[in-house]
Amino acid sequence: MLIRKGTPEDLTQVFDLVMELAIYEKAPHEVENSVAQMLEDGFGEKPIFEFFVAELDGKIAGTAIYYYRYSTWKGKALYLEDLVVSEPARGKGLGKKLLDAIVLEAREVNAKQVRWQVLDWNEPAINFYKKLGADLDPEWINCTLTEAQIKNY
């Protein structure tokens, strides 16, 4: 098992993991992103995300995609957008190792928080995060403006 920073060459396999997650979350029809867009957004003129990959037997079997956000109350924070381990590779410790890499990154950049979301029905993920000691906060409600709503705002 190898955990390392992601490269442009990894994006095809990482996008496959994103699609696997979308299927698991019963929402593949909502994915509008592409490998080309991820290449631009992650490695273009103004990169807006970074990622780690977990390799197992020479193949990417997991990823942790993150970016930085800012809390006016706490300061710099790292936001974990997606933590995905392919279904056949689950139970081998890759998710924990990827989260370890995220926490180490947060320490190295002096982030005051690591934040992420989990669907309320995703019991395996919820149990995983609880086991690691994460606080799961039911008080906050997510708010989103879609692309169409932004255009019509």
Protein backbone atom coordinates (compact mmCIF):
# COMPACT_ATOMS: atom_id res chain seq x y z
CA MET A 1 0.00 0.00 0.00
CA LEU A 2 1.30 3.44 -0.96
CA ILE A 3 -0.25 6.81 -0.12
CA ARG A 4 1.05 9.73 -2.16
CA LYS A 5 0.09 13.11 -3.59
CA GLY A 6 -1.92 12.88 -6.78
CA THR A 7 -0.56 13.81 -10.20
CA PRO A 8 -2.24 14.74 -13.49
CA GLU A 9 -1.65 11.18 -14.72
CA ASP A 10 -3.80 9.86 -11.85
CA LEU A 11 -6.93 11.78 -12.78
CA THR A 12 -8.52 9.16 -15.03
CA GLN A 13 -8.44 6.58 -12.24
CA VAL A 14 -9.45 9.18 -9.65
CA PHE A 15 -12.43 10.20 -11.79
CA ASP A 16 -13.43 6.52 -11.97
CA LEU A 17 -13.47 6.54 -8.15
CA VAL A 18 -15.58 9.71 -8.15
CA MET A 19 -18.06 7.95 -10.44
CA GLU A 20 -18.04 4.88 -8.18
CA LEU A 21 -18.92 7.16 -5.26
CA ALA A 22 -21.69 8.84 -7.26
CA ILE A 23 -23.17 5.43 -8.09
CA TYR A 24 -22.94 4.39 -4.42
CA GLU A 25 -24.71 7.62 -3.46
CA LYS A 26 -27.38 6.90 -6.10
CA ALA A 27 -26.59 10.07 -8.04
CA PRO A 28 -24.39 9.33 -11.07
CA HIS A 29 -26.70 11.52 -13.18
CA GLU A 30 -25.60 14.52 -11.10
CA VAL A 31 -21.92 14.28 -12.09
CA GLU A 32 -21.12 17.05 -14.56
CA ASN A 33 -17.36 17.06 -14.00
CA SER A 34 -14.80 15.42 -16.29
CA VAL A 35 -11.16 14.39 -16.29
CA ALA A 36 -10.37 17.41 -18.48
CA GLN A 37 -12.09 19.77 -16.03
CA MET A 38 -10.31 18.17 -13.09
CA LEU A 39 -7.01 18.59 -14.91
CA GLU A 40 -7.69 22.31 -15.35
CA ASP A 41 -9.04 22.77 -11.81
CA GLY A 42 -6.27 20.80 -10.13
CA PHE A 43 -3.25 21.61 -12.26
CA GLY A 44 -4.16 24.68 -14.33
CA GLU A 45 -3.17 28.29 -13.83
CA LYS A 46 -5.07 28.61 -10.53
CA PRO A 47 -5.36 25.14 -8.94
CA ILE A 48 -8.30 24.89 -6.56
CA PHE A 49 -7.97 21.36 -5.23
CA GLU A 50 -5.34 18.76 -4.36
CA PHE A 51 -5.58 15.07 -3.70
CA PHE A 52 -3.91 12.01 -2.32
CA VAL A 53 -4.14 8.56 -3.86
CA ALA A 54 -3.87 5.15 -2.30
CA GLU A 55 -2.17 2.56 -4.48
CA LEU A 56 -2.77 -1.13 -3.93
CA ASP A 57 -0.97 -3.64 -6.12
CA GLY A 58 0.11 -0.82 -8.47
CA LYS A 59 -3.43 0.44 -9.07
CA ILE A 60 -5.15 3.47 -7.55
CA ALA A 61 -7.74 2.07 -5.16
CA GLY A 62 -8.59 5.20 -3.17
CA THR A 63 -8.43 8.96 -3.14
CA ALA A 64 -8.87 11.89 -0.78
CA ILE A 65 -9.70 15.13 -2.62
CA TYR A 66 -9.37 18.34 -0.63
CA TYR A 67 -9.07 22.10 -0.79
CA TYR A 68 -8.55 24.95 1.63
CA ARG A 69 -11.33 27.05 3.06
CA TYR A 70 -11.43 29.85 5.56
CA SER A 71 -13.35 30.08 8.81
CA THR A 72 -13.77 33.62 10.11
CA TRP A 73 -13.92 32.14 13.60
CA LYS A 74 -11.04 29.65 13.38
CA GLY A 75 -8.83 30.63 10.42
CA LYS A 76 -7.44 28.30 7.77
CA ALA A 77 -9.22 24.98 7.39
CA LEU A 78 -8.81 21.99 5.14
CA TYR A 79 -12.01 20.71 3.53
CA LEU A 80 -12.14 17.05 2.56
CA GLU A 81 -14.42 16.95 -0.47
CA ASP A 82 -14.29 13.21 -1.10
CA LEU A 83 -12.74 10.21 0.57
CA VAL A 84 -13.28 7.22 -1.69
CA VAL A 85 -11.96 3.68 -1.53
CA SER A 86 -13.01 1.31 -4.29
CA GLU A 87 -15.40 -1.35 -3.09
CA PRO A 88 -13.03 -4.29 -3.65
CA ALA A 89 -10.28 -2.53 -1.65
CA ARG A 90 -12.36 -1.67 1.41
CA GLY A 91 -11.42 -3.15 4.76
CA LYS A 92 -7.69 -3.00 4.05
CA GLY A 93 -6.99 0.27 5.89
CA LEU A 94 -6.78 2.55 2.85
CA GLY A 95 -9.47 4.94 4.11
CA LYS A 96 -7.66 5.37 7.41
CA LYS A 97 -4.32 5.91 5.67
CA LEU A 98 -5.88 8.52 3.36
CA LEU A 99 -7.45 10.32 6.31
CA ASP A 100 -4.07 10.15 8.10
CA ALA A 101 -2.53 11.91 5.08
CA ILE A 102 -5.23 14.60 5.21
CA VAL A 103 -4.63 15.21 8.93
CA LEU A 104 -0.87 15.36 8.40
CA GLU A 105 -1.39 17.87 5.58
CA ALA A 106 -3.59 19.97 7.89
CA ARG A 107 -0.87 19.93 10.54
CA GLU A 108 1.82 20.89 8.02
CA VAL A 109 -0.13 23.93 6.79
CA ASN A 110 -1.27 24.87 10.31
CA ALA A 111 -4.96 24.40 9.53
CA LYS A 112 -7.24 24.87 12.51
CA GLN A 113 -9.85 22.37 11.31
CA VAL A 114 -10.45 19.50 8.93
CA ARG A 115 -14.07 19.44 7.80
CA TRP A 116 -16.16 17.21 5.58
CA GLN A 117 -19.71 15.94 5.10
CA VAL A 118 -21.27 12.51 5.16
CA LEU A 119 -24.74 11.48 4.02
CA ASP A 120 -27.02 10.67 6.94
CA TRP A 121 -27.78 7.19 5.52
CA ASN A 122 -24.14 6.21 4.95
CA GLU A 123 -23.79 4.15 8.13
CA PRO A 124 -20.43 2.53 7.22
CA ALA A 125 -18.84 5.97 6.72
CA ILE A 126 -20.52 7.43 9.81
CA ASN A 127 -19.26 4.54 11.93
CA PHE A 128 -15.77 4.90 10.42
CA TYR A 129 -15.66 8.62 11.28
CA LYS A 130 -17.04 8.05 14.79
CA LYS A 131 -14.42 5.37 15.40
CA LEU A 132 -11.74 7.92 14.50
CA GLY A 133 -13.16 10.37 17.03
CA ALA A 134 -14.67 12.90 14.60
CA ASP A 135 -17.49 15.17 15.75
CA LEU A 136 -20.64 14.68 13.66
CA ASP A 137 -22.68 17.86 13.90
CA PRO A 138 -26.40 17.50 13.08
CA GLU A 139 -27.06 21.19 13.81
CA TRP A 140 -25.87 22.72 10.52
CA ILE A 141 -27.96 22.66 7.34
CA ASN A 142 -26.19 22.58 3.97
CA CYS A 143 -27.10 25.36 1.54
CA THR A 144 -26.46 25.27 -2.20
CA LEU A 145 -27.12 27.43 -5.22
CA THR A 146 -27.02 25.36 -8.41
CA GLU A 147 -25.48 26.58 -11.66
CA ALA A 148 -28.95 27.49 -12.95
CA GLN A 149 -29.78 29.32 -9.72
CA ILE A 150 -26.52 31.26 -9.92
CA LYS A 151 -27.34 32.34 -13.49
CA ASN A 152 -30.85 33.38 -12.48
CA TYR A 153 -29.85 35.08 -9.24
